[in-house]
Amino acid sequence: MDILEKLERGERIGYEEGIALYDLDLFTLGKYADRRRKGLYGRKSFFNINRHINPTNVCKEICKFCAFSAHRKNPNPYTMSHDEILGLVEESYRRGVKELHIVSAHNDRVGLDWYMGIFRKIKERFPDLHIKALTAAEVNFLAKEHRLEFDEVLDMMIESGVDSMPGGGAEIFDEGIRAQICKGKVSSEEWLQIHRLWHRRGRKSNATMLFGHIEGRAERIDHMLRLRQLQDETGGFNAFIPLIYQRENNYLKVEEFVTGQEYLKTIAIARILLDNIPHIKAYWATSTLNLALVAQEFGADDLDGTIERESIQSAAGAESRNGLPVEQLVGLIRESGFIPVERDSLYNEIKVWE
């Protein structure tokens, strides 16, 4: 059957067909992705009022694409105390933040309680704040560093107050690529297993894909299909987030960077392929705000949130360090022809900004 016929019928796309989708012109892809997006959410575009906190950049791993961790190109190591973190949380809470997104480097100079203890302290003082924290890469690091099973670390997270998991650390699942860009970090199978175990606990998470570096289109399709397979099994992913590789202050030598058209094609293909993952997020912190707004026409229904402060992507050149005021984000969504919808971390609607 012709691939366009399958798209017309809304049928599932396989691996070879997924690669072939990239050969379609952008507007054909956009038409089918937008059709699926509108079938799910109409003109609604979701965001939340959140705060990113990155408590340490001291890292045991050496990932070539990373500009955040302390190394020769970023010779400014730091590790926040719990009191410093709580001070940031209190400031954000007063401004109406409803979600904390807490992701760190793999710091082997602090103990397990430095990681888990801050979640407990936040929940004690701000019990209604949603804590989205610890990537599968961090879980893997903590398990191996402290000789624990994944199950033990995940149970500690829940007992300490973590509500959901972010999708970081997935990078690209192809192990040949991983060996070149993040050797020694969590493997693709470990990443998938950690999320599988988290979902079995009735908890939700997100999934990411870092692209635009040394991977190819085939590796992207393989990555998405592995996520789709796990989602068929668990149903635990809330959103898929394609992250554009940021080029500054790292050791990955990439000469040709991803174009806006390639990004929009990847967003559209994600919406088409990932028929079982509810939301496709155009994370403005890596794509630029303008491109994220355009991505709403190509299958994306979520722009992440206000962020307030972001250190990981901005260290590599993204213009996301100081976040966005909610009024500005709402205005931009409106001006792009969509309906801004404030959501909570699990995509329950809080307010529709008509």
C-alpha atoms as a PDB file:
ATOM      1  CA  MET A   1       0.000   0.000   0.000  1.00  0.00           C
ATOM      2  CA  ASP A   2       1.254   3.490  -0.866  1.00  0.00           C
ATOM      3  CA  ILE A   3       2.464   5.451   2.167  1.00  0.00           C
ATOM      4  CA  LEU A   4       0.059   8.313   1.391  1.00  0.00           C
ATOM      5  CA  GLU A   5      -2.830   5.843   1.429  1.00  0.00           C
ATOM      6  CA  LYS A   6      -1.747   4.648   4.875  1.00  0.00           C
ATOM      7  CA  LEU A   7      -1.577   8.245   6.064  1.00  0.00           C
ATOM      8  CA  GLU A   8      -5.047   8.910   4.678  1.00  0.00           C
ATOM      9  CA  ARG A   9      -6.385   5.864   6.483  1.00  0.00           C
ATOM     10  CA  GLY A  10      -4.577   6.757   9.705  1.00  0.00           C
ATOM     11  CA  GLU A  11      -2.825   3.378   9.768  1.00  0.00           C
ATOM     12  CA  ARG A  12       0.355   2.616  11.686  1.00  0.00           C
ATOM     13  CA  ILE A  13       3.644   3.350   9.991  1.00  0.00           C
ATOM     14  CA  GLY A  14       6.581   0.929  10.250  1.00  0.00           C
ATOM     15  CA  TYR A  15      10.347   1.395  10.193  1.00  0.00           C
ATOM     16  CA  GLU A  16      11.039   1.605   6.448  1.00  0.00           C
ATOM     17  CA  GLU A  17       7.948   3.723   5.907  1.00  0.00           C
ATOM     18  CA  GLY A  18       8.989   5.977   8.772  1.00  0.00           C
ATOM     19  CA  ILE A  19      12.304   6.689   7.071  1.00  0.00           C
ATOM     20  CA  ALA A  20      10.453   7.323   3.804  1.00  0.00           C
ATOM     21  CA  LEU A  21       8.277   9.936   5.520  1.00  0.00           C
ATOM     22  CA  TYR A  22      11.292  12.253   5.555  1.00  0.00           C
ATOM     23  CA  ASP A  23      11.246  12.201   1.730  1.00  0.00           C
ATOM     24  CA  LEU A  24       7.772  13.723   1.630  1.00  0.00           C
ATOM     25  CA  ASP A  25       7.599  17.465   1.324  1.00  0.00           C
ATOM     26  CA  LEU A  26       7.176  19.439   4.514  1.00  0.00           C
ATOM     27  CA  PHE A  27       3.630  20.588   3.859  1.00  0.00           C
ATOM     28  CA  THR A  28       2.356  17.107   3.030  1.00  0.00           C
ATOM     29  CA  LEU A  29       3.790  15.863   6.331  1.00  0.00           C
ATOM     30  CA  GLY A  30       2.348  18.881   8.090  1.00  0.00           C
ATOM     31  CA  LYS A  31      -1.107  18.216   6.687  1.00  0.00           C
ATOM     32  CA  TYR A  32      -1.283  14.700   8.101  1.00  0.00           C
ATOM     33  CA  ALA A  33       0.345  15.589  11.401  1.00  0.00           C
ATOM     34  CA  ASP A  34      -1.944  18.584  11.865  1.00  0.00           C
ATOM     35  CA  ARG A  35      -4.961  16.421  11.088  1.00  0.00           C
ATOM     36  CA  ARG A  36      -4.018  14.075  13.916  1.00  0.00           C
ATOM     37  CA  ARG A  37      -3.252  16.932  16.269  1.00  0.00           C
ATOM     38  CA  LYS A  38      -6.582  18.638  15.598  1.00  0.00           C
ATOM     39  CA  GLY A  39      -8.401  15.328  16.002  1.00  0.00           C
ATOM     40  CA  LEU A  40      -6.988  15.103  19.513  1.00  0.00           C
ATOM     41  CA  TYR A  41      -6.972  18.707  20.734  1.00  0.00           C
ATOM     42  CA  GLY A  42      -8.427  21.036  18.118  1.00  0.00           C
ATOM     43  CA  ARG A  43      -6.589  24.371  18.333  1.00  0.00           C
ATOM     44  CA  LYS A  44      -5.561  23.966  21.971  1.00  0.00           C
ATOM     45  CA  SER A  45      -1.885  24.412  22.839  1.00  0.00           C
ATOM     46  CA  PHE A  46      -0.753  23.379  26.297  1.00  0.00           C
ATOM     47  CA  PHE A  47       1.787  24.876  28.671  1.00  0.00           C
ATOM     48  CA  ASN A  48       2.440  24.875  32.385  1.00  0.00           C
ATOM     49  CA  ILE A  49       3.851  27.280  34.946  1.00  0.00           C
ATOM     50  CA  ASN A  50       7.047  25.561  35.927  1.00  0.00           C
ATOM     51  CA  ARG A  51      10.525  26.129  37.289  1.00  0.00           C
ATOM     52  CA  HIS A  52      13.648  24.302  36.146  1.00  0.00           C
ATOM     53  CA  ILE A  53      16.277  23.768  38.835  1.00  0.00           C
ATOM     54  CA  ASN A  54      19.655  22.202  38.043  1.00  0.00           C
ATOM     55  CA  PRO A  55      21.274  21.722  41.478  1.00  0.00           C
ATOM     56  CA  THR A  56      24.759  20.606  40.377  1.00  0.00           C
ATOM     57  CA  ASN A  57      26.936  20.479  37.277  1.00  0.00           C
ATOM     58  CA  VAL A  58      29.609  18.195  38.756  1.00  0.00           C
ATOM     59  CA  CYS A  59      29.394  15.032  36.672  1.00  0.00           C
ATOM     60  CA  LYS A  60      31.059  11.641  36.637  1.00  0.00           C
ATOM     61  CA  GLU A  61      30.156  11.130  32.961  1.00  0.00           C
ATOM     62  CA  ILE A  62      31.855  12.717  29.965  1.00  0.00           C
ATOM     63  CA  CYS A  63      29.246  13.257  27.257  1.00  0.00           C
ATOM     64  CA  LYS A  64      30.672  14.948  24.174  1.00  0.00           C
ATOM     65  CA  PHE A  65      27.496  16.909  23.451  1.00  0.00           C
ATOM     66  CA  CYS A  66      27.137  18.361  26.951  1.00  0.00           C
ATOM     67  CA  ALA A  67      28.030  21.962  27.762  1.00  0.00           C
ATOM     68  CA  PHE A  68      26.424  21.947  31.202  1.00  0.00           C
ATOM     69  CA  SER A  69      28.727  19.686  33.199  1.00  0.00           C
ATOM     70  CA  ALA A  70      31.940  21.125  34.617  1.00  0.00           C
ATOM     71  CA  HIS A  71      34.857  20.527  32.254  1.00  0.00           C
ATOM     72  CA  ARG A  72      37.511  22.519  30.395  1.00  0.00           C
ATOM     73  CA  LYS A  73      34.913  24.406  28.359  1.00  0.00           C
ATOM     74  CA  ASN A  74      32.809  25.059  31.453  1.00  0.00           C
ATOM     75  CA  PRO A  75      35.319  25.391  34.307  1.00  0.00           C
ATOM     76  CA  ASN A  76      32.800  26.551  36.902  1.00  0.00           C
ATOM     77  CA  PRO A  77      31.685  23.587  39.023  1.00  0.00           C
ATOM     78  CA  TYR A  78      28.894  24.113  41.528  1.00  0.00           C
ATOM     79  CA  THR A  79      26.737  22.121  43.902  1.00  0.00           C
ATOM     80  CA  MET A  80      23.809  23.805  45.655  1.00  0.00           C
ATOM     81  CA  SER A  81      22.994  23.189  49.282  1.00  0.00           C
ATOM     82  CA  HIS A  82      19.485  22.125  50.243  1.00  0.00           C
ATOM     83  CA  ASP A  83      18.913  25.555  51.752  1.00  0.00           C
ATOM     84  CA  GLU A  84      19.867  27.240  48.482  1.00  0.00           C
ATOM     85  CA  ILE A  85      17.484  25.006  46.540  1.00  0.00           C
ATOM     86  CA  LEU A  86      14.661  25.602  49.012  1.00  0.00           C
ATOM     87  CA  GLY A  87      15.225  29.340  48.677  1.00  0.00           C
ATOM     88  CA  LEU A  88      14.729  29.095  44.911  1.00  0.00           C
ATOM     89  CA  VAL A  89      11.640  26.947  45.375  1.00  0.00           C
ATOM     90  CA  GLU A  90      10.098  29.424  47.810  1.00  0.00           C
ATOM     91  CA  GLU A  91      10.640  32.325  45.406  1.00  0.00           C
ATOM     92  CA  SER A  92       9.044  30.378  42.561  1.00  0.00           C
ATOM     93  CA  TYR A  93       6.156  29.149  44.695  1.00  0.00           C
ATOM     94  CA  ARG A  94       5.273  32.739  45.570  1.00  0.00           C
ATOM     95  CA  ARG A  95       5.127  33.501  41.838  1.00  0.00           C
ATOM     96  CA  GLY A  96       2.617  30.726  41.232  1.00  0.00           C
ATOM     97  CA  VAL A  97       4.838  27.928  39.973  1.00  0.00           C
ATOM     98  CA  LYS A  98       3.073  24.557  40.089  1.00  0.00           C
ATOM     99  CA  GLU A  99       5.799  22.202  38.855  1.00  0.00           C
ATOM    100  CA  LEU A 100       9.476  21.796  39.700  1.00  0.00           C
ATOM    101  CA  HIS A 101      11.616  20.186  37.025  1.00  0.00           C
ATOM    102  CA  ILE A 102      14.763  19.058  38.858  1.00  0.00           C
ATOM    103  CA  VAL A 103      17.595  17.543  36.830  1.00  0.00           C
ATOM    104  CA  SER A 104      21.261  17.410  37.806  1.00  0.00           C
ATOM    105  CA  ALA A 105      24.586  16.098  36.647  1.00  0.00           C
ATOM    106  CA  HIS A 106      25.832  12.746  37.974  1.00  0.00           C
ATOM    107  CA  ASN A 107      27.646  14.022  41.038  1.00  0.00           C
ATOM    108  CA  ASP A 108      29.646  11.273  42.769  1.00  0.00           C
ATOM    109  CA  ARG A 109      30.886  13.694  45.446  1.00  0.00           C
ATOM    110  CA  VAL A 110      27.563  13.897  47.269  1.00  0.00           C
ATOM    111  CA  GLY A 111      25.619  11.106  48.874  1.00  0.00           C
ATOM    112  CA  LEU A 112      22.301   9.556  47.978  1.00  0.00           C
ATOM    113  CA  ASP A 113      20.553  11.669  50.609  1.00  0.00           C
ATOM    114  CA  TRP A 114      21.644  14.868  48.871  1.00  0.00           C
ATOM    115  CA  TYR A 115      19.482  13.763  45.938  1.00  0.00           C
ATOM    116  CA  MET A 116      16.556  12.268  47.841  1.00  0.00           C
ATOM    117  CA  GLY A 117      16.659  14.599  50.823  1.00  0.00           C
ATOM    118  CA  ILE A 118      15.801  17.707  48.857  1.00  0.00           C
ATOM    119  CA  PHE A 119      12.634  16.097  47.488  1.00  0.00           C
ATOM    120  CA  ARG A 120      11.491  15.275  51.013  1.00  0.00           C
ATOM    121  CA  LYS A 121      12.186  18.818  52.213  1.00  0.00           C
ATOM    122  CA  ILE A 122      10.323  20.375  49.278  1.00  0.00           C
ATOM    123  CA  LYS A 123       7.278  18.166  49.861  1.00  0.00           C
ATOM    124  CA  GLU A 124       7.254  18.938  53.574  1.00  0.00           C
ATOM    125  CA  ARG A 125       7.150  22.699  52.925  1.00  0.00           C
ATOM    126  CA  PHE A 126       5.221  22.769  49.643  1.00  0.00           C
ATOM    127  CA  PRO A 127       3.074  19.625  49.515  1.00  0.00           C
ATOM    128  CA  ASP A 128       1.009  20.801  46.525  1.00  0.00           C
ATOM    129  CA  LEU A 129       4.029  21.329  44.255  1.00  0.00           C
ATOM    130  CA  HIS A 130       4.488  18.640  41.609  1.00  0.00           C
ATOM    131  CA  ILE A 131       8.067  17.346  41.545  1.00  0.00           C
ATOM    132  CA  LYS A 132       9.241  16.058  38.174  1.00  0.00           C
ATOM    133  CA  ALA A 133      12.767  14.868  38.819  1.00  0.00           C
ATOM    134  CA  LEU A 134      15.616  12.476  38.077  1.00  0.00           C
ATOM    135  CA  THR A 135      16.112  11.294  34.531  1.00  0.00           C
ATOM    136  CA  ALA A 136      16.610   7.603  33.821  1.00  0.00           C
ATOM    137  CA  ALA A 137      20.306   8.445  33.387  1.00  0.00           C
ATOM    138  CA  GLU A 138      20.390   9.794  36.949  1.00  0.00           C
ATOM    139  CA  VAL A 139      18.504   6.747  38.247  1.00  0.00           C
ATOM    140  CA  ASN A 140      21.023   4.489  36.529  1.00  0.00           C
ATOM    141  CA  PHE A 141      23.920   6.502  37.973  1.00  0.00           C
ATOM    142  CA  LEU A 142      22.518   6.382  41.518  1.00  0.00           C
ATOM    143  CA  ALA A 143      21.801   2.659  41.291  1.00  0.00           C
ATOM    144  CA  LYS A 144      25.318   1.811  40.155  1.00  0.00           C
ATOM    145  CA  GLU A 145      27.050   4.309  42.416  1.00  0.00           C
ATOM    146  CA  HIS A 146      25.280   2.962  45.516  1.00  0.00           C
ATOM    147  CA  ARG A 147      24.939  -0.697  44.448  1.00  0.00           C
ATOM    148  CA  LEU A 148      21.173  -0.629  44.307  1.00  0.00           C
ATOM    149  CA  GLU A 149      18.594  -2.140  41.992  1.00  0.00           C
ATOM    150  CA  PHE A 150      16.585   0.202  39.783  1.00  0.00           C
ATOM    151  CA  ASP A 151      13.482  -0.794  41.750  1.00  0.00           C
ATOM    152  CA  GLU A 152      15.086   0.362  44.981  1.00  0.00           C
ATOM    153  CA  VAL A 153      15.986   3.786  43.597  1.00  0.00           C
ATOM    154  CA  LEU A 154      12.517   4.259  42.089  1.00  0.00           C
ATOM    155  CA  ASP A 155      10.851   3.326  45.381  1.00  0.00           C
ATOM    156  CA  MET A 156      13.079   5.825  47.199  1.00  0.00           C
ATOM    157  CA  MET A 157      12.024   8.506  44.730  1.00  0.00           C
ATOM    158  CA  ILE A 158       8.340   7.893  45.385  1.00  0.00           C
ATOM    159  CA  GLU A 159       8.862   7.755  49.160  1.00  0.00           C
ATOM    160  CA  SER A 160      10.790  11.047  48.955  1.00  0.00           C
ATOM    161  CA  GLY A 161       8.060  12.861  47.042  1.00  0.00           C
ATOM    162  CA  VAL A 162       8.904  12.587  43.327  1.00  0.00           C
ATOM    163  CA  ASP A 163       5.662  12.634  41.341  1.00  0.00           C
ATOM    164  CA  SER A 164       6.792  12.060  37.751  1.00  0.00           C
ATOM    165  CA  MET A 165       9.963  11.573  35.725  1.00  0.00           C
ATOM    166  CA  PRO A 166      11.367  13.763  32.951  1.00  0.00           C
ATOM    167  CA  GLY A 167      12.496  12.151  29.715  1.00  0.00           C
ATOM    168  CA  GLY A 168      16.148  13.201  29.659  1.00  0.00           C
ATOM    169  CA  GLY A 169      19.089  10.886  29.108  1.00  0.00           C
ATOM    170  CA  ALA A 170      17.521   9.066  26.171  1.00  0.00           C
ATOM    171  CA  GLU A 171      19.700  10.972  23.665  1.00  0.00           C
ATOM    172  CA  ILE A 172      19.504   8.595  20.680  1.00  0.00           C
ATOM    173  CA  PHE A 173      18.947   4.887  21.354  1.00  0.00           C
ATOM    174  CA  ASP A 174      21.324   3.510  18.722  1.00  0.00           C
ATOM    175  CA  GLU A 175      24.222   2.071  20.725  1.00  0.00           C
ATOM    176  CA  GLY A 176      26.798   2.833  18.038  1.00  0.00           C
ATOM    177  CA  ILE A 177      25.917   6.518  18.253  1.00  0.00           C
ATOM    178  CA  ARG A 178      25.808   6.388  22.054  1.00  0.00           C
ATOM    179  CA  ALA A 179      29.320   4.955  22.121  1.00  0.00           C
ATOM    180  CA  GLN A 180      30.500   8.074  20.322  1.00  0.00           C
ATOM    181  CA  ILE A 181      28.541  10.771  22.159  1.00  0.00           C
ATOM    182  CA  CYS A 182      27.866   9.445  25.681  1.00  0.00           C
ATOM    183  CA  LYS A 183      29.928   6.320  26.290  1.00  0.00           C
ATOM    184  CA  GLY A 184      29.451   4.899  29.776  1.00  0.00           C
ATOM    185  CA  LYS A 185      26.117   6.594  30.352  1.00  0.00           C
ATOM    186  CA  VAL A 186      22.847   4.685  30.766  1.00  0.00           C
ATOM    187  CA  SER A 187      22.291   2.295  27.844  1.00  0.00           C
ATOM    188  CA  SER A 188      19.184   2.422  25.688  1.00  0.00           C
ATOM    189  CA  GLU A 189      17.853  -0.806  27.214  1.00  0.00           C
ATOM    190  CA  GLU A 190      18.505   0.462  30.734  1.00  0.00           C
ATOM    191  CA  TRP A 191      16.718   3.729  29.924  1.00  0.00           C
ATOM    192  CA  LEU A 192      13.694   1.859  28.618  1.00  0.00           C
ATOM    193  CA  GLN A 193      13.689  -0.565  31.542  1.00  0.00           C
ATOM    194  CA  ILE A 194      13.783   2.247  34.121  1.00  0.00           C
ATOM    195  CA  HIS A 195      10.762   3.902  32.521  1.00  0.00           C
ATOM    196  CA  ARG A 196       9.020   0.525  32.254  1.00  0.00           C
ATOM    197  CA  LEU A 197       9.491  -0.028  35.996  1.00  0.00           C
ATOM    198  CA  TRP A 198       8.340   3.526  36.768  1.00  0.00           C
ATOM    199  CA  HIS A 199       5.189   3.032  34.694  1.00  0.00           C
ATOM    200  CA  ARG A 200       4.467  -0.246  36.458  1.00  0.00           C
ATOM    201  CA  ARG A 201       4.246   1.788  39.661  1.00  0.00           C
ATOM    202  CA  GLY A 202       1.382   3.724  38.124  1.00  0.00           C
ATOM    203  CA  ARG A 203       3.577   6.779  37.527  1.00  0.00           C
ATOM    204  CA  LYS A 204       3.923   8.903  34.400  1.00  0.00           C
ATOM    205  CA  SER A 205       7.012  10.105  32.570  1.00  0.00           C
ATOM    206  CA  ASN A 206       8.106  11.856  29.396  1.00  0.00           C
ATOM    207  CA  ALA A 207      10.442  10.710  26.629  1.00  0.00           C
ATOM    208  CA  THR A 208      13.041  12.701  24.716  1.00  0.00           C
ATOM    209  CA  MET A 209      15.241  12.319  21.657  1.00  0.00           C
ATOM    210  CA  LEU A 210      18.362  14.399  21.082  1.00  0.00           C
ATOM    211  CA  PHE A 211      18.863  14.869  17.342  1.00  0.00           C
ATOM    212  CA  GLY A 212      20.712  16.994  14.832  1.00  0.00           C
ATOM    213  CA  HIS A 213      24.209  15.790  15.751  1.00  0.00           C
ATOM    214  CA  ILE A 214      25.858  12.673  14.270  1.00  0.00           C
ATOM    215  CA  GLU A 215      22.740  10.511  14.050  1.00  0.00           C
ATOM    216  CA  GLY A 216      20.769  10.016  10.867  1.00  0.00           C
ATOM    217  CA  ARG A 217      17.105   9.808  10.033  1.00  0.00           C
ATOM    218  CA  ALA A 218      17.094   6.018  10.387  1.00  0.00           C
ATOM    219  CA  GLU A 219      18.327   6.279  13.983  1.00  0.00           C
ATOM    220  CA  ARG A 220      15.573   8.791  14.769  1.00  0.00           C
ATOM    221  CA  ILE A 221      12.872   6.474  13.418  1.00  0.00           C
ATOM    222  CA  ASP A 222      14.304   3.521  15.347  1.00  0.00           C
ATOM    223  CA  HIS A 223      14.288   5.654  18.513  1.00  0.00           C
ATOM    224  CA  MET A 224      10.649   6.663  18.106  1.00  0.00           C
ATOM    225  CA  LEU A 225       9.506   3.127  17.341  1.00  0.00           C
ATOM    226  CA  ARG A 226      11.191   1.762  20.476  1.00  0.00           C
ATOM    227  CA  LEU A 227       9.267   4.345  22.484  1.00  0.00           C
ATOM    228  CA  ARG A 228       6.048   3.390  20.724  1.00  0.00           C
ATOM    229  CA  GLN A 229       6.653  -0.259  21.559  1.00  0.00           C
ATOM    230  CA  LEU A 230       7.140   0.503  25.260  1.00  0.00           C
ATOM    231  CA  GLN A 231       4.078   2.755  25.248  1.00  0.00           C
ATOM    232  CA  ASP A 232       2.023  -0.101  23.789  1.00  0.00           C
ATOM    233  CA  GLU A 233       3.147  -2.133  26.794  1.00  0.00           C
ATOM    234  CA  THR A 234       2.774   0.404  29.617  1.00  0.00           C
ATOM    235  CA  GLY A 235       0.862   3.499  28.465  1.00  0.00           C
ATOM    236  CA  GLY A 236       3.016   5.529  30.837  1.00  0.00           C
ATOM    237  CA  PHE A 237       4.438   8.271  28.616  1.00  0.00           C
ATOM    238  CA  ASN A 238       2.695  11.645  28.701  1.00  0.00           C
ATOM    239  CA  ALA A 239       4.738  13.385  26.027  1.00  0.00           C
ATOM    240  CA  PHE A 240       7.491  12.984  23.468  1.00  0.00           C
ATOM    241  CA  ILE A 241      10.027  15.817  23.213  1.00  0.00           C
ATOM    242  CA  PRO A 242      12.436  16.037  20.268  1.00  0.00           C
ATOM    243  CA  LEU A 243      15.412  18.096  21.469  1.00  0.00           C
ATOM    244  CA  ILE A 244      17.633  19.906  18.981  1.00  0.00           C
ATOM    245  CA  TYR A 245      21.350  19.473  19.646  1.00  0.00           C
ATOM    246  CA  GLN A 246      22.897  22.736  20.864  1.00  0.00           C
ATOM    247  CA  ARG A 247      26.254  23.466  19.314  1.00  0.00           C
ATOM    248  CA  GLU A 248      28.273  25.655  21.689  1.00  0.00           C
ATOM    249  CA  ASN A 249      30.838  24.769  24.388  1.00  0.00           C
ATOM    250  CA  ASN A 250      31.061  21.014  23.844  1.00  0.00           C
ATOM    251  CA  TYR A 251      33.334  18.432  22.248  1.00  0.00           C
ATOM    252  CA  LEU A 252      31.041  17.008  19.573  1.00  0.00           C
ATOM    253  CA  LYS A 253      32.289  18.168  16.182  1.00  0.00           C
ATOM    254  CA  VAL A 254      29.209  18.686  14.043  1.00  0.00           C
ATOM    255  CA  GLU A 255      29.605  20.652  10.835  1.00  0.00           C
ATOM    256  CA  GLU A 256      26.061  20.651   9.459  1.00  0.00           C
ATOM    257  CA  PHE A 257      23.359  21.610  11.900  1.00  0.00           C
ATOM    258  CA  VAL A 258      19.695  20.694  11.714  1.00  0.00           C
ATOM    259  CA  THR A 259      17.545  23.117   9.732  1.00  0.00           C
ATOM    260  CA  GLY A 260      14.180  24.506  10.752  1.00  0.00           C
ATOM    261  CA  GLN A 261      12.570  22.404   8.041  1.00  0.00           C
ATOM    262  CA  GLU A 262      14.211  19.228   9.368  1.00  0.00           C
ATOM    263  CA  TYR A 263      12.984  20.046  12.858  1.00  0.00           C
ATOM    264  CA  LEU A 264       9.416  20.570  11.648  1.00  0.00           C
ATOM    265  CA  LYS A 265       9.548  17.332   9.660  1.00  0.00           C
ATOM    266  CA  THR A 266      10.727  15.494  12.787  1.00  0.00           C
ATOM    267  CA  ILE A 267       7.893  16.985  14.849  1.00  0.00           C
ATOM    268  CA  ALA A 268       5.361  15.984  12.184  1.00  0.00           C
ATOM    269  CA  ILE A 269       6.760  12.458  11.857  1.00  0.00           C
ATOM    270  CA  ALA A 270       6.697  12.076  15.637  1.00  0.00           C
ATOM    271  CA  ARG A 271       2.990  12.967  15.689  1.00  0.00           C
ATOM    272  CA  ILE A 272       2.313  10.463  12.909  1.00  0.00           C
ATOM    273  CA  LEU A 273       4.442   7.608  14.272  1.00  0.00           C
ATOM    274  CA  LEU A 274       3.692   7.991  17.982  1.00  0.00           C
ATOM    275  CA  ASP A 275      -0.027   7.360  17.746  1.00  0.00           C
ATOM    276  CA  ASN A 276      -0.116   6.122  21.346  1.00  0.00           C
ATOM    277  CA  ILE A 277       1.799   8.950  23.075  1.00  0.00           C
ATOM    278  CA  PRO A 278      -0.720  11.716  23.806  1.00  0.00           C
ATOM    279  CA  HIS A 279       1.395  14.843  23.462  1.00  0.00           C
ATOM    280  CA  ILE A 280       4.181  16.056  21.186  1.00  0.00           C
ATOM    281  CA  LYS A 281       6.124  18.863  22.804  1.00  0.00           C
ATOM    282  CA  ALA A 282       7.926  21.613  20.890  1.00  0.00           C
ATOM    283  CA  TYR A 283      10.360  22.478  23.658  1.00  0.00           C
ATOM    284  CA  TRP A 284      11.081  26.112  22.931  1.00  0.00           C
ATOM    285  CA  ALA A 285      14.263  26.058  25.014  1.00  0.00           C
ATOM    286  CA  THR A 286      16.057  24.069  22.275  1.00  0.00           C
ATOM    287  CA  SER A 287      14.090  24.884  19.129  1.00  0.00           C
ATOM    288  CA  THR A 288      13.777  28.667  19.653  1.00  0.00           C
ATOM    289  CA  LEU A 289      10.455  30.177  20.553  1.00  0.00           C
ATOM    290  CA  ASN A 290       9.540  31.167  17.005  1.00  0.00           C
ATOM    291  CA  LEU A 291      10.124  27.682  15.614  1.00  0.00           C
ATOM    292  CA  ALA A 292       8.192  26.117  18.485  1.00  0.00           C
ATOM    293  CA  LEU A 293       5.210  28.320  17.646  1.00  0.00           C
ATOM    294  CA  VAL A 294       5.370  27.229  13.994  1.00  0.00           C
ATOM    295  CA  ALA A 295       5.591  23.594  15.141  1.00  0.00           C
ATOM    296  CA  GLN A 296       2.026  23.914  16.418  1.00  0.00           C
ATOM    297  CA  GLU A 297       0.985  23.673  12.746  1.00  0.00           C
ATOM    298  CA  PHE A 298       3.033  20.475  12.307  1.00  0.00           C
ATOM    299  CA  GLY A 299       1.703  18.263  15.073  1.00  0.00           C
ATOM    300  CA  ALA A 300       3.025  19.796  18.294  1.00  0.00           C
ATOM    301  CA  ASP A 301       0.394  20.567  20.930  1.00  0.00           C
ATOM    302  CA  ASP A 302       2.603  21.528  23.887  1.00  0.00           C
ATOM    303  CA  LEU A 303       5.280  24.209  24.353  1.00  0.00           C
ATOM    304  CA  ASP A 304       6.511  23.135  27.822  1.00  0.00           C
ATOM    305  CA  GLY A 305       6.189  26.142  30.117  1.00  0.00           C
ATOM    306  CA  THR A 306       7.505  29.324  31.619  1.00  0.00           C
ATOM    307  CA  ILE A 307      10.690  27.552  32.905  1.00  0.00           C
ATOM    308  CA  GLU A 308      11.869  30.635  34.886  1.00  0.00           C
ATOM    309  CA  ARG A 309      15.512  29.550  34.882  1.00  0.00           C
ATOM    310  CA  GLU A 310      17.294  26.976  32.725  1.00  0.00           C
ATOM    311  CA  SER A 311      20.972  26.022  32.775  1.00  0.00           C
ATOM    312  CA  ILE A 312      21.509  22.880  30.684  1.00  0.00           C
ATOM    313  CA  GLN A 313      20.446  23.962  27.189  1.00  0.00           C
ATOM    314  CA  SER A 314      21.474  27.581  27.665  1.00  0.00           C
ATOM    315  CA  ALA A 315      25.025  26.485  28.523  1.00  0.00           C
ATOM    316  CA  ALA A 316      25.252  25.218  24.940  1.00  0.00           C
ATOM    317  CA  GLY A 317      23.824  28.341  23.352  1.00  0.00           C
ATOM    318  CA  ALA A 318      20.039  28.102  23.712  1.00  0.00           C
ATOM    319  CA  GLU A 319      18.262  31.363  24.569  1.00  0.00           C
ATOM    320  CA  SER A 320      16.360  29.919  27.507  1.00  0.00           C
ATOM    321  CA  ARG A 321      18.303  30.989  30.593  1.00  0.00           C
ATOM    322  CA  ASN A 322      15.671  33.316  32.051  1.00  0.00           C
ATOM    323  CA  GLY A 323      12.464  31.623  30.937  1.00  0.00           C
ATOM    324  CA  LEU A 324       9.309  33.447  29.835  1.00  0.00           C
ATOM    325  CA  PRO A 325       6.605  35.422  31.649  1.00  0.00           C
ATOM    326  CA  VAL A 326       3.286  33.584  31.436  1.00  0.00           C
ATOM    327  CA  GLU A 327       1.536  36.584  29.861  1.00  0.00           C
ATOM    328  CA  GLN A 328       4.087  36.637  27.041  1.00  0.00           C
ATOM    329  CA  LEU A 329       3.751  32.911  26.386  1.00  0.00           C
ATOM    330  CA  VAL A 330      -0.050  33.155  26.367  1.00  0.00           C
ATOM    331  CA  GLY A 331       0.070  36.124  24.007  1.00  0.00           C
ATOM    332  CA  LEU A 332       2.389  34.370  21.574  1.00  0.00           C
ATOM    333  CA  ILE A 333       0.207  31.256  21.457  1.00  0.00           C
ATOM    334  CA  ARG A 334      -2.868  33.409  20.796  1.00  0.00           C
ATOM    335  CA  GLU A 335      -1.121  35.413  18.087  1.00  0.00           C
ATOM    336  CA  SER A 336      -0.126  32.193  16.345  1.00  0.00           C
ATOM    337  CA  GLY A 337      -3.780  31.220  16.048  1.00  0.00           C
ATOM    338  CA  PHE A 338      -4.061  28.702  18.868  1.00  0.00           C
ATOM    339  CA  ILE A 339      -5.886  28.565  22.200  1.00  0.00           C
ATOM    340  CA  PRO A 340      -3.513  28.712  25.201  1.00  0.00           C
ATOM    341  CA  VAL A 341      -4.363  26.103  27.828  1.00  0.00           C
ATOM    342  CA  GLU A 342      -2.568  26.061  31.156  1.00  0.00           C
ATOM    343  CA  ARG A 343      -2.173  22.450  32.282  1.00  0.00           C
ATOM    344  CA  ASP A 344      -0.825  20.648  35.294  1.00  0.00           C
ATOM    345  CA  SER A 345       2.079  18.220  35.034  1.00  0.00           C
ATOM    346  CA  LEU A 346      -0.225  15.327  34.111  1.00  0.00           C
ATOM    347  CA  TYR A 347      -2.068  17.336  31.430  1.00  0.00           C
ATOM    348  CA  ASN A 348      -5.221  18.073  33.377  1.00  0.00           C
ATOM    349  CA  GLU A 349      -6.537  21.430  32.170  1.00  0.00           C
ATOM    350  CA  ILE A 350      -6.284  24.232  34.738  1.00  0.00           C
ATOM    351  CA  LYS A 351      -7.281  27.270  32.702  1.00  0.00           C
ATOM    352  CA  VAL A 352      -8.273  27.948  29.118  1.00  0.00           C
ATOM    353  CA  TRP A 353      -7.057  31.416  28.123  1.00  0.00           C
ATOM    354  CA  GLU A 354      -9.810  32.419  25.677  1.00  0.00           C
END
